[in-house]
Amino acid sequence: MEASIVVDSDDEAERCAEAEARAAAAAHALAAEPPQECFCCRLALPPSRGLLTPQPVGEVQIWRQDQALIFSPEDAEEDDDLVIPVAGISSVDVKADGPMIILTLSPPLAANGFAVDYMAEGHRIATVTLSPLTEELRSALATLMAWLQHLTLHGPKALGLVPRPLQEPVALRLHGTVLEERDLDLLEDEQWFNDTIMDFFMRLALEVAAPQQLQDELYVAKTQFFTRLTACGASSGEKGWENVKTWTRTVNGGVASQRVLVYPVNEANLHWCVFFVCHPHGAIQQTEADEDVPRIVCLDSAWEPVPKDDHIKLLKGYLRRELFNNPLGGNGAAVLGADGSVAAASVARWKAAVMGLEKMQAIDGDVPKQQNVYDCGLYVLEFLLYLLRQPGQFSRLGLESHQEWFDQSVITHRRTQMRELVSRLLSEGKRSGQMDVSLLLRDESLRNAVREALTSEPPEPENPEPENPEPENPEENVPWRPPAEPAHWSAMSAMSAAGGAEGVWGAWGWSYEWEHVAKRARLADWHAP
């Protein structure tokens, strides 16, 4: 006989009543707590400059002055105070663990005071996180309630607050990539793209912008490829192949049989670039046509790109295993040795793979360069989009200059189009109850709108300026660019090969390399040769 569990409804009701009584007592105690003129707590600002976690500032004193909250660190000058308008605070969420009080700012606030030292140029403050001592939490909450009477503080009932209603997160799905509403913030101006944005739009581009024949010949890896390739202590591409060998099992003939392979790379969580591998299987075959020569082409929008030797070495090792482990030779016919045996074929394949990959060219593509420090991800996407619009360019990739592909105006236009596109897809998904983008794209009008957003050119200006205007000050006509020999890219390169940057470099290297260059150019009228 099976045992049964009996729930005493009276006990359950009693427990609920006790919980409600405790919540009411906590709310009463909070309402009775007198607000303070000011209070102290620890402060953290949002991630910036390539960091992925909030930036701790330290102890600050907070008070209200007129229509703003003033945040003042210890021993700070008055001009260094962070000022946040009360009207700009759109919500307050409290978490008991920590405890933490999260103020959301809408629209995001331009950095001021000491916050300028923490936020990259152009980055805005979307949230600030306060961490008072546990014994001072109630006093801090009572004070904020008095200062922010236009808002409801959301948090646990145990603290006397009103819980925020639970909402199912809204997210778009495309081929295993999930794009959430919060990712929309990264499509705003002057924001870096994360791996989710990159994966989503690269797959969306293939879905709507690539000709059918090219879709069958092109393989685009996920942005986590190199991270996974070097996981578990893998020191070479050959060993790392074991970590990713299942990623391409649905690719007929293996990835090495594809005409072009695409590998986006995030260098040290600071910069995006992309590798195109052209005709990988030709590495073990003889070919004389230039356009069919197997080669690895790196497209990098940085003015002085980091050396890519380590990534190329890893990629060649991975492809070596791919060529060896694909017995079909990419053409559907079994490959046998001279004596007809599989063993002899294996030896021959390995020799051919080793020798072929050693000879494979690695080329730095001559491509358009970014005009700021945050559009690198957009440039990588636009490189792919341009090639999908002009598939004939694949045959000459890396063999000639590509500087005329597009300019910064296309990048700025594309960011706007992508932002509006995601908003429309989210609206269509909510309206139809279908968040799978592949299914949404069955609507031909929506599919055409997506294709237009990813392939359109910016409109011509109504009053175009003369092609060669005479500048009043000749020096003002010199375009901004970083120094010819950045001092710390070598450190970034080493950390990138190790799998990412942490600690000092993540917080300091990017700041030094770009922010100080920008300040020198802006404040001292400095220009690199």
Protein backbone atom coordinates (compact mmCIF):
# COMPACT_ATOMS: atom_id res chain seq x y z
CA MET A 1 0.00 0.00 0.00
CA GLU A 2 1.45 3.35 -1.01
CA ALA A 3 1.94 5.96 1.66
CA SER A 4 -0.03 9.14 1.19
CA ILE A 5 0.83 12.64 2.29
CA VAL A 6 -1.97 14.52 3.97
CA VAL A 7 -1.79 18.29 4.14
CA ASP A 8 -3.64 19.77 7.08
CA SER A 9 -5.47 22.75 5.60
CA ASP A 10 -5.87 24.31 9.05
CA ASP A 11 -2.09 24.21 9.61
CA GLU A 12 -1.48 25.70 6.18
CA ALA A 13 -3.95 28.49 6.83
CA GLU A 14 -2.35 29.14 10.19
CA ARG A 15 1.12 29.42 8.63
CA CYS A 16 -0.18 31.84 6.01
CA ALA A 17 -1.84 33.94 8.68
CA GLU A 18 1.40 34.07 10.67
CA ALA A 19 3.38 35.11 7.59
CA GLU A 20 0.88 37.88 6.84
CA ALA A 21 1.05 39.05 10.45
CA ARG A 22 4.87 39.21 10.30
CA ALA A 23 4.70 41.14 7.02
CA ALA A 24 2.19 43.60 8.51
CA ALA A 25 4.40 44.06 11.58
CA ALA A 26 7.46 44.70 9.36
CA ALA A 27 5.51 47.24 7.29
CA HIS A 28 4.33 48.97 10.46
CA ALA A 29 7.88 49.09 11.84
CA LEU A 30 9.19 50.51 8.56
CA ALA A 31 6.48 53.17 8.49
CA ALA A 32 7.34 54.14 12.07
CA GLU A 33 11.07 54.42 11.33
CA PRO A 34 12.05 58.11 11.22
CA PRO A 35 13.89 59.20 8.05
CA GLN A 36 17.42 60.57 8.40
CA GLU A 37 18.96 63.68 6.93
CA CYS A 38 21.61 61.46 5.34
CA PHE A 39 22.95 57.91 5.53
CA CYS A 40 26.11 56.01 4.62
CA CYS A 41 26.49 52.83 2.62
CA ARG A 42 28.69 51.17 0.02
CA LEU A 43 28.09 52.10 -3.62
CA ALA A 44 28.62 50.18 -6.88
CA LEU A 45 28.32 51.54 -10.42
CA PRO A 46 27.40 49.53 -13.57
CA PRO A 47 30.01 47.57 -15.57
CA SER A 48 32.00 49.60 -18.08
CA ARG A 49 35.29 49.56 -20.02
CA GLY A 50 34.99 45.87 -20.81
CA LEU A 51 34.18 44.78 -17.25
CA LEU A 52 31.33 42.32 -16.80
CA THR A 53 30.51 42.96 -13.13
CA PRO A 54 29.45 46.08 -11.17
CA GLN A 55 32.27 48.41 -10.13
CA PRO A 56 32.60 48.92 -6.36
CA VAL A 57 33.19 52.57 -5.44
CA GLY A 58 33.38 52.20 -1.66
CA GLU A 59 31.72 54.03 1.22
CA VAL A 60 29.64 57.10 0.30
CA GLN A 61 27.41 59.51 2.17
CA ILE A 62 24.00 60.18 0.59
CA TRP A 63 21.65 63.09 1.17
CA ARG A 64 18.92 64.93 -0.69
CA GLN A 65 19.52 68.49 -1.85
CA ASP A 66 16.64 70.24 -3.61
CA GLN A 67 15.53 67.86 -6.39
CA ALA A 68 18.58 65.60 -6.46
CA LEU A 69 20.35 62.91 -4.45
CA ILE A 70 24.00 63.67 -3.71
CA PHE A 71 26.55 60.83 -3.39
CA SER A 72 29.80 61.91 -1.75
CA PRO A 73 32.76 59.56 -1.17
CA GLU A 74 34.98 59.95 1.87
CA ASP A 75 37.54 62.77 1.57
CA ALA A 76 36.05 63.89 -1.77
CA GLU A 77 35.98 67.45 -3.05
CA GLU A 78 32.56 69.01 -3.53
CA ASP A 79 33.01 69.02 -7.30
CA ASP A 80 33.55 65.25 -7.20
CA ASP A 81 30.06 64.45 -5.85
CA LEU A 82 27.77 62.32 -8.03
CA VAL A 83 24.44 64.09 -8.53
CA ILE A 84 21.34 62.08 -9.53
CA PRO A 85 18.07 63.96 -10.16
CA VAL A 86 15.18 62.52 -8.14
CA ALA A 87 12.94 62.63 -11.21
CA GLY A 88 15.44 60.43 -13.07
CA ILE A 89 15.02 57.50 -10.63
CA SER A 90 12.38 55.24 -12.17
CA SER A 91 12.33 52.30 -9.75
CA VAL A 92 13.81 50.97 -6.51
CA ASP A 93 14.30 47.25 -5.88
CA VAL A 94 15.52 45.83 -2.57
CA LYS A 95 17.16 42.45 -2.06
CA ALA A 96 17.52 41.02 1.42
CA ASP A 97 20.70 39.13 0.48
CA GLY A 98 23.57 41.56 0.83
CA PRO A 99 21.47 43.58 1.50
CA MET A 100 21.23 45.61 -1.74
CA ILE A 101 19.12 48.56 -2.87
CA ILE A 102 19.12 49.00 -6.67
CA LEU A 103 18.12 52.37 -8.09
CA THR A 104 17.21 52.26 -11.80
CA LEU A 105 17.71 55.49 -13.75
CA SER A 106 15.57 56.24 -16.81
CA PRO A 107 16.86 57.55 -19.08
CA PRO A 108 20.39 56.49 -18.13
CA LEU A 109 22.38 59.33 -16.62
CA ALA A 110 25.55 60.84 -18.11
CA ALA A 111 28.43 60.23 -15.71
CA ASN A 112 29.30 63.18 -13.50
CA GLY A 113 31.48 63.79 -10.45
CA PHE A 114 33.63 60.85 -9.38
CA ALA A 115 31.62 58.52 -11.67
CA VAL A 116 33.53 59.90 -14.66
CA ASP A 117 36.57 57.95 -13.42
CA TYR A 118 34.59 54.67 -13.54
CA MET A 119 32.57 54.94 -16.76
CA ALA A 120 34.05 54.76 -20.26
CA GLU A 121 33.60 57.84 -22.38
CA GLY A 122 30.02 57.94 -23.66
CA HIS A 123 28.77 55.24 -21.26
CA ARG A 124 25.79 56.22 -19.13
CA ILE A 125 24.70 55.09 -15.68
CA ALA A 126 21.58 52.90 -15.85
CA THR A 127 21.64 51.66 -12.24
CA VAL A 128 23.38 52.36 -8.95
CA THR A 129 23.57 49.72 -6.22
CA LEU A 130 23.58 50.66 -2.53
CA SER A 131 24.73 48.17 0.15
CA PRO A 132 23.96 49.42 3.68
CA LEU A 133 24.84 47.42 6.77
CA THR A 134 22.08 44.97 7.76
CA GLU A 135 21.38 46.79 11.02
CA GLU A 136 21.06 50.10 9.12
CA LEU A 137 18.86 48.80 6.30
CA ARG A 138 15.51 49.82 7.79
CA SER A 139 16.72 53.35 8.42
CA ALA A 140 18.06 53.61 4.86
CA LEU A 141 14.76 52.34 3.42
CA ALA A 142 12.70 54.76 5.51
CA THR A 143 14.90 57.62 4.36
CA LEU A 144 14.60 56.66 0.68
CA MET A 145 10.81 56.34 1.03
CA ALA A 146 10.69 59.90 2.37
CA TRP A 147 12.93 61.21 -0.43
CA LEU A 148 11.29 59.27 -3.28
CA GLN A 149 7.61 59.58 -2.50
CA HIS A 150 6.71 59.22 -6.19
CA LEU A 151 7.94 55.60 -6.16
CA THR A 152 7.02 52.32 -4.51
CA LEU A 153 9.98 50.46 -3.06
CA HIS A 154 9.73 46.83 -4.18
CA GLY A 155 11.22 44.07 -2.05
CA PRO A 156 10.51 41.20 0.35
CA LYS A 157 7.47 41.36 2.64
CA ALA A 158 9.78 40.46 5.51
CA LEU A 159 11.28 43.96 5.17
CA GLY A 160 7.85 45.59 5.11
CA LEU A 161 7.97 46.19 1.35
CA VAL A 162 5.73 45.32 -1.58
CA PRO A 163 7.05 42.42 -3.72
CA ARG A 164 7.36 43.15 -7.41
CA PRO A 165 4.77 41.14 -9.41
CA LEU A 166 6.35 38.10 -11.03
CA GLN A 167 6.57 38.42 -14.79
CA GLU A 168 7.64 35.86 -17.33
CA PRO A 169 10.78 37.24 -19.01
CA VAL A 170 10.19 38.06 -22.66
CA ALA A 171 12.88 36.72 -24.96
CA LEU A 172 13.38 36.10 -28.67
CA ARG A 173 14.80 32.71 -29.68
CA LEU A 174 16.74 31.90 -32.82
CA HIS A 175 18.65 28.64 -33.37
CA GLY A 176 19.51 28.22 -29.69
CA THR A 177 20.37 31.89 -29.02
CA VAL A 178 18.08 33.73 -26.59
CA LEU A 179 17.86 37.52 -26.85
CA GLU A 180 16.15 39.16 -23.88
CA GLU A 181 14.62 42.62 -23.58
CA ARG A 182 17.52 43.73 -21.40
CA ASP A 183 19.87 43.13 -24.34
CA LEU A 184 18.15 46.04 -26.06
CA ASP A 185 20.21 48.39 -23.88
CA LEU A 186 23.35 47.23 -25.70
CA LEU A 187 21.88 48.36 -29.01
CA GLU A 188 21.74 51.95 -27.77
CA ASP A 189 24.38 54.36 -29.01
CA GLU A 190 27.92 54.10 -27.63
CA GLN A 191 27.44 50.59 -26.19
CA TRP A 192 29.58 47.46 -26.71
CA PHE A 193 27.87 44.33 -28.05
CA ASN A 194 27.89 41.15 -25.97
CA ASP A 195 28.08 37.58 -27.27
CA THR A 196 24.29 37.21 -27.29
CA ILE A 197 23.83 40.20 -29.62
CA MET A 198 26.60 38.90 -31.89
CA ASP A 199 25.30 35.32 -32.08
CA PHE A 200 21.70 36.40 -32.60
CA PHE A 201 22.37 38.80 -35.47
CA MET A 202 24.92 36.59 -37.24
CA ARG A 203 22.35 33.81 -37.35
CA LEU A 204 19.60 36.22 -38.34
CA ALA A 205 21.80 37.50 -41.18
CA LEU A 206 22.29 33.97 -42.50
CA GLU A 207 18.57 33.33 -42.21
CA VAL A 208 17.39 36.30 -44.28
CA ALA A 209 20.35 37.86 -46.14
CA ALA A 210 22.36 34.92 -47.49
CA PRO A 211 21.53 33.42 -50.90
CA GLN A 212 20.41 29.80 -50.61
CA GLN A 213 23.51 28.38 -52.28
CA LEU A 214 25.76 30.34 -49.93
CA GLN A 215 23.84 29.10 -46.89
CA ASP A 216 24.86 25.57 -47.88
CA GLU A 217 28.54 26.58 -48.22
CA LEU A 218 28.98 28.84 -45.20
CA TYR A 219 29.46 27.86 -41.56
CA VAL A 220 29.37 30.50 -38.79
CA ALA A 221 30.67 29.40 -35.39
CA LYS A 222 29.28 30.70 -32.13
CA THR A 223 31.17 33.41 -30.30
CA GLN A 224 32.10 30.99 -27.52
CA PHE A 225 34.09 28.78 -29.92
CA PHE A 226 37.60 29.81 -28.84
CA THR A 227 36.62 29.88 -25.16
CA ARG A 228 35.37 26.32 -25.40
CA LEU A 229 38.27 25.23 -27.63
CA THR A 230 40.77 26.14 -24.88
CA ALA A 231 38.66 24.80 -21.98
CA CYS A 232 39.77 21.97 -19.69
CA GLY A 233 43.41 22.95 -20.03
CA ALA A 234 43.58 22.30 -23.79
CA SER A 235 46.90 23.79 -24.91
CA SER A 236 46.48 23.26 -28.65
CA GLY A 237 43.78 23.24 -31.28
CA GLU A 238 44.26 19.49 -31.76
CA LYS A 239 43.50 18.82 -28.09
CA GLY A 240 40.79 21.45 -27.95
CA TRP A 241 38.99 19.73 -30.83
CA GLU A 242 37.71 17.20 -28.29
CA ASN A 243 35.84 20.02 -26.52
CA VAL A 244 33.91 21.15 -29.62
CA LYS A 245 33.74 18.07 -31.82
CA THR A 246 29.97 17.71 -31.29
CA TRP A 247 29.24 21.31 -32.26
CA THR A 248 29.37 20.54 -35.99
CA ARG A 249 28.02 17.01 -36.18
CA THR A 250 25.01 18.25 -38.17
CA VAL A 251 27.26 19.79 -40.84
CA ASN A 252 27.34 17.41 -43.78
CA GLY A 253 30.95 16.38 -44.49
CA GLY A 254 32.27 18.31 -41.48
CA VAL A 255 33.07 22.00 -41.34
CA ALA A 256 36.27 21.52 -43.33
CA SER A 257 34.16 20.61 -46.35
CA GLN A 258 32.49 24.04 -46.32
CA ARG A 259 33.59 26.75 -48.72
CA VAL A 260 33.93 29.38 -45.96
CA LEU A 261 34.12 29.16 -42.16
CA VAL A 262 33.47 32.19 -39.94
CA TYR A 263 34.86 32.49 -36.40
CA PRO A 264 34.02 35.66 -34.42
CA VAL A 265 36.49 36.38 -31.60
CA ASN A 266 36.21 38.46 -28.44
CA GLU A 267 39.72 39.50 -27.45
CA ALA A 268 40.10 39.78 -23.67
CA ASN A 269 36.44 40.88 -23.28
CA LEU A 270 37.46 44.17 -24.89
CA HIS A 271 37.37 43.91 -28.67
CA TRP A 272 35.63 41.95 -31.44
CA CYS A 273 37.28 40.72 -34.64
CA VAL A 274 36.53 37.83 -36.99
CA PHE A 275 38.40 35.07 -38.85
CA PHE A 276 37.27 33.81 -42.26
CA VAL A 277 38.71 30.44 -43.33
CA CYS A 278 38.42 30.13 -47.11
CA HIS A 279 38.48 26.71 -48.83
CA PRO A 280 39.77 24.77 -45.79
CA HIS A 281 39.67 21.40 -47.56
CA GLY A 282 41.92 22.80 -50.27
CA ALA A 283 44.73 22.66 -47.70
CA ILE A 284 45.21 18.98 -48.55
CA GLN A 285 44.58 19.40 -52.26
CA GLN A 286 46.56 21.08 -55.01
CA THR A 287 45.04 24.24 -56.45
CA GLU A 288 46.45 26.93 -58.70
CA ALA A 289 43.60 29.45 -58.87
CA ASP A 290 44.23 32.42 -56.55
CA GLU A 291 40.61 32.71 -55.48
CA ASP A 292 40.57 29.04 -54.42
CA VAL A 293 43.76 29.21 -52.37
CA PRO A 294 43.05 28.01 -48.81
CA ARG A 295 43.68 30.88 -46.41
CA ILE A 296 42.75 32.35 -43.05
CA VAL A 297 41.75 36.01 -43.30
CA CYS A 298 41.39 38.14 -40.19
CA LEU A 299 39.14 41.18 -40.46
CA ASP A 300 39.80 43.59 -37.59
CA SER A 301 38.51 47.17 -37.42
CA ALA A 302 41.15 48.26 -34.87
CA TRP A 303 43.69 50.77 -36.16
CA GLU A 304 46.57 48.75 -34.70
CA PRO A 305 45.25 45.18 -34.34
CA VAL A 306 46.60 42.82 -31.72
CA PRO A 307 48.82 40.08 -33.22
CA LYS A 308 46.68 37.03 -33.98
CA ASP A 309 49.42 34.34 -33.95
CA ASP A 310 47.96 32.41 -31.02
CA HIS A 311 44.43 32.34 -32.41
CA ILE A 312 45.70 31.25 -35.82
CA LYS A 313 47.76 28.47 -34.27
CA LEU A 314 44.71 27.23 -32.32
CA LEU A 315 42.51 27.44 -35.40
CA LYS A 316 44.96 25.52 -37.58
CA GLY A 317 45.25 22.79 -34.95
CA TYR A 318 41.49 22.47 -34.78
CA LEU A 319 41.17 22.30 -38.57
CA ARG A 320 43.94 19.69 -38.68
CA ARG A 321 41.79 17.39 -36.55
CA GLU A 322 38.71 18.23 -38.59
CA LEU A 323 40.44 17.28 -41.84
CA PHE A 324 41.78 14.10 -40.31
CA ASN A 325 38.51 12.99 -38.71
CA ASN A 326 36.39 13.57 -41.80
CA PRO A 327 36.88 10.42 -43.89
CA LEU A 328 34.70 11.64 -46.75
CA GLY A 329 37.13 14.21 -47.97
CA GLY A 330 34.27 16.66 -48.28
CA ASN A 331 32.95 15.17 -51.53
CA GLY A 332 30.99 12.14 -50.35
CA ALA A 333 33.56 9.60 -51.57
CA ALA A 334 35.45 7.39 -49.13
CA VAL A 335 39.20 8.04 -49.02
CA LEU A 336 41.46 4.96 -48.97
CA GLY A 337 45.23 4.55 -48.89
CA ALA A 338 47.45 3.38 -51.74
CA ASP A 339 47.01 -0.24 -50.61
CA GLY A 340 43.25 0.19 -50.24
CA SER A 341 43.28 0.08 -46.45
CA VAL A 342 41.66 2.48 -44.02
CA ALA A 343 44.85 2.56 -41.87
CA ALA A 344 46.95 3.78 -44.79
CA ALA A 345 44.27 6.33 -45.56
CA SER A 346 44.44 7.63 -41.99
CA VAL A 347 48.19 8.11 -42.19
CA ALA A 348 47.90 9.83 -45.54
CA ARG A 349 45.13 12.11 -44.30
CA TRP A 350 47.11 13.12 -41.23
CA LYS A 351 50.23 13.89 -43.24
CA ALA A 352 48.22 15.88 -45.76
CA ALA A 353 46.43 17.79 -42.97
CA VAL A 354 49.67 18.61 -41.14
CA MET A 355 51.51 19.76 -44.24
CA GLY A 356 48.53 21.56 -45.76
CA LEU A 357 47.67 23.55 -42.65
CA GLU A 358 51.32 24.54 -42.13
CA LYS A 359 51.33 26.06 -45.61
CA MET A 360 47.94 27.76 -45.25
CA GLN A 361 48.29 31.54 -45.50
CA ALA A 362 47.19 33.83 -42.65
CA ILE A 363 46.26 37.29 -43.94
CA ASP A 364 45.33 40.52 -42.18
CA GLY A 365 42.53 41.98 -44.28
CA ASP A 366 42.71 45.65 -45.25
CA VAL A 367 39.26 46.73 -44.03
CA PRO A 368 37.48 49.90 -42.85
CA LYS A 369 38.55 51.06 -39.38
CA GLN A 370 36.26 52.03 -36.53
CA GLN A 371 36.05 55.69 -35.53
CA ASN A 372 35.42 55.06 -31.82
CA VAL A 373 36.11 52.44 -29.16
CA TYR A 374 32.72 50.72 -28.97
CA ASP A 375 31.62 49.80 -32.53
CA CYS A 376 33.95 46.80 -33.02
CA GLY A 377 31.09 44.29 -32.78
CA LEU A 378 29.07 46.22 -35.35
CA TYR A 379 32.02 46.19 -37.74
CA VAL A 380 32.29 42.39 -37.44
CA LEU A 381 28.58 42.04 -38.24
CA GLU A 382 28.85 44.49 -41.15
CA PHE A 383 31.83 42.58 -42.60
CA LEU A 384 29.60 39.49 -42.75
CA LEU A 385 26.55 41.41 -44.01
CA TYR A 386 28.55 43.02 -46.80
CA LEU A 387 29.86 39.65 -47.97
CA LEU A 388 26.34 38.20 -47.89
CA ARG A 389 25.14 41.10 -50.06
CA GLN A 390 28.14 40.74 -52.37
CA PRO A 391 28.96 36.99 -52.33
CA GLY A 392 31.34 37.41 -55.26
CA GLN A 393 33.70 39.20 -52.84
CA PHE A 394 34.43 35.93 -51.03
CA SER A 395 36.71 34.84 -53.88
CA ARG A 396 38.93 37.93 -53.37
CA LEU A 397 38.73 38.06 -49.58
CA GLY A 398 42.11 39.06 -48.15
CA LEU A 399 43.70 39.25 -51.61
CA GLU A 400 42.99 42.95 -52.18
CA SER A 401 42.03 46.06 -50.23
CA HIS A 402 38.49 46.19 -48.83
CA GLN A 403 38.64 49.77 -47.57
CA GLU A 404 35.80 50.81 -49.91
CA TRP A 405 33.28 48.31 -48.56
CA PHE A 406 31.54 50.82 -46.29
CA ASP A 407 32.19 53.71 -43.91
CA GLN A 408 31.13 54.83 -40.43
CA SER A 409 27.79 56.18 -41.68
CA VAL A 410 26.73 52.60 -42.54
CA ILE A 411 27.71 51.41 -39.05
CA THR A 412 25.70 54.16 -37.36
CA HIS A 413 22.73 53.42 -39.63
CA ARG A 414 22.94 49.70 -38.94
CA ARG A 415 22.85 50.16 -35.16
CA THR A 416 19.64 52.18 -35.46
CA GLN A 417 18.11 49.60 -37.78
CA MET A 418 19.02 46.72 -35.46
CA ARG A 419 17.54 48.49 -32.45
CA GLU A 420 14.25 49.14 -34.26
CA LEU A 421 14.26 45.61 -35.66
CA VAL A 422 14.49 43.94 -32.24
CA SER A 423 11.71 46.18 -30.93
CA ARG A 424 9.48 45.11 -33.83
CA LEU A 425 10.30 41.42 -33.39
CA LEU A 426 9.48 41.67 -29.69
CA SER A 427 6.18 43.42 -30.47
CA GLU A 428 5.27 40.78 -33.06
CA GLY A 429 6.24 38.01 -30.65
CA LYS A 430 4.11 39.41 -27.82
CA ARG A 431 1.18 39.99 -30.15
CA SER A 432 1.25 36.49 -31.62
CA GLY A 433 2.48 34.65 -28.53
CA GLN A 434 5.30 33.19 -30.64
CA MET A 435 8.85 34.16 -29.64
CA ASP A 436 10.68 31.79 -32.04
CA VAL A 437 12.05 34.13 -34.71
CA SER A 438 12.31 31.35 -37.30
CA LEU A 439 8.53 30.90 -37.05
CA LEU A 440 7.86 34.63 -37.02
CA LEU A 441 9.82 34.95 -40.27
CA ARG A 442 7.24 32.79 -42.06
CA ASP A 443 5.37 36.08 -42.39
CA GLU A 444 6.79 37.29 -45.69
CA SER A 445 6.25 40.98 -44.94
CA LEU A 446 8.11 40.67 -41.65
CA ARG A 447 10.89 38.69 -43.33
CA ASN A 448 11.29 41.42 -45.94
CA ALA A 449 11.42 44.06 -43.20
CA VAL A 450 14.17 42.13 -41.39
CA ARG A 451 16.15 41.75 -44.63
CA GLU A 452 15.76 45.46 -45.35
CA ALA A 453 17.00 46.38 -41.84
CA LEU A 454 20.13 44.25 -42.27
CA THR A 455 21.00 45.21 -45.83
CA SER A 456 19.82 48.80 -46.37
CA GLU A 457 22.17 51.73 -46.87
CA PRO A 458 21.80 55.01 -44.98
CA PRO A 459 19.80 57.67 -46.86
CA GLU A 460 21.70 60.33 -48.74
CA PRO A 461 21.90 63.65 -46.87
CA GLU A 462 19.47 66.29 -48.15
CA ASN A 463 22.19 68.94 -48.38
CA PRO A 464 25.45 67.08 -48.97
CA GLU A 465 28.63 68.95 -48.18
CA PRO A 466 31.18 69.59 -50.96
CA GLU A 467 33.55 66.69 -51.54
CA ASN A 468 36.66 68.75 -50.76
CA PRO A 469 35.63 71.69 -48.55
CA GLU A 470 38.30 74.11 -47.45
CA PRO A 471 38.52 73.83 -43.64
CA GLU A 472 38.83 77.04 -41.65
CA ASN A 473 41.39 75.30 -39.46
CA PRO A 474 43.37 72.63 -41.39
CA GLU A 475 44.06 70.68 -38.20
CA GLU A 476 40.30 70.17 -37.67
CA ASN A 477 40.20 68.15 -40.87
CA VAL A 478 42.48 65.44 -39.43
CA PRO A 479 40.36 62.34 -38.54
CA TRP A 480 40.63 60.86 -35.07
CA ARG A 481 42.71 57.72 -34.78
CA PRO A 482 44.57 55.98 -31.95
CA PRO A 483 48.39 56.21 -31.68
CA ALA A 484 50.49 54.36 -34.22
CA GLU A 485 52.00 52.05 -31.62
CA PRO A 486 49.66 51.43 -28.66
CA ALA A 487 51.73 50.65 -25.61
CA HIS A 488 49.68 47.89 -24.04
CA TRP A 489 48.17 45.81 -26.86
CA SER A 490 50.87 43.19 -26.30
CA ALA A 491 49.57 42.59 -22.77
CA MET A 492 46.03 42.33 -24.10
CA SER A 493 47.15 39.84 -26.74
CA ALA A 494 48.75 37.57 -24.16
CA MET A 495 45.66 37.64 -21.96
CA SER A 496 43.38 37.07 -24.92
CA ALA A 497 45.29 33.91 -25.84
CA ALA A 498 44.96 32.76 -22.23
CA GLY A 499 41.18 32.98 -22.46
CA GLY A 500 40.33 36.45 -21.18
CA ALA A 501 41.43 39.37 -19.09
CA GLU A 502 40.76 39.67 -15.39
CA GLY A 503 41.68 41.95 -12.56
CA VAL A 504 44.05 44.81 -13.24
CA TRP A 505 44.02 44.71 -17.06
CA GLY A 506 40.25 44.51 -17.33
CA ALA A 507 39.87 47.64 -15.19
CA TRP A 508 42.98 49.54 -16.25
CA GLY A 509 44.39 48.50 -19.60
CA TRP A 510 41.33 49.40 -21.67
CA SER A 511 40.92 52.65 -19.79
CA TYR A 512 44.54 53.64 -20.42
CA GLU A 513 44.63 52.53 -24.02
CA TRP A 514 41.54 54.37 -25.21
CA GLU A 515 40.28 56.91 -22.73
CA HIS A 516 43.61 58.67 -22.31
CA VAL A 517 44.18 58.69 -26.05
CA ALA A 518 40.76 60.27 -26.52
CA LYS A 519 41.44 62.86 -23.84
CA ARG A 520 44.78 63.78 -25.40
CA ALA A 521 43.14 64.17 -28.79
CA ARG A 522 40.26 66.19 -27.39
CA LEU A 523 41.98 68.39 -24.82
CA ALA A 524 45.46 68.87 -26.25
CA ASP A 525 44.48 68.94 -29.93
CA TRP A 526 46.77 65.95 -30.40
CA HIS A 527 46.78 63.88 -33.58
CA ALA A 528 48.76 60.77 -34.39
CA PRO A 529 50.69 60.77 -37.65
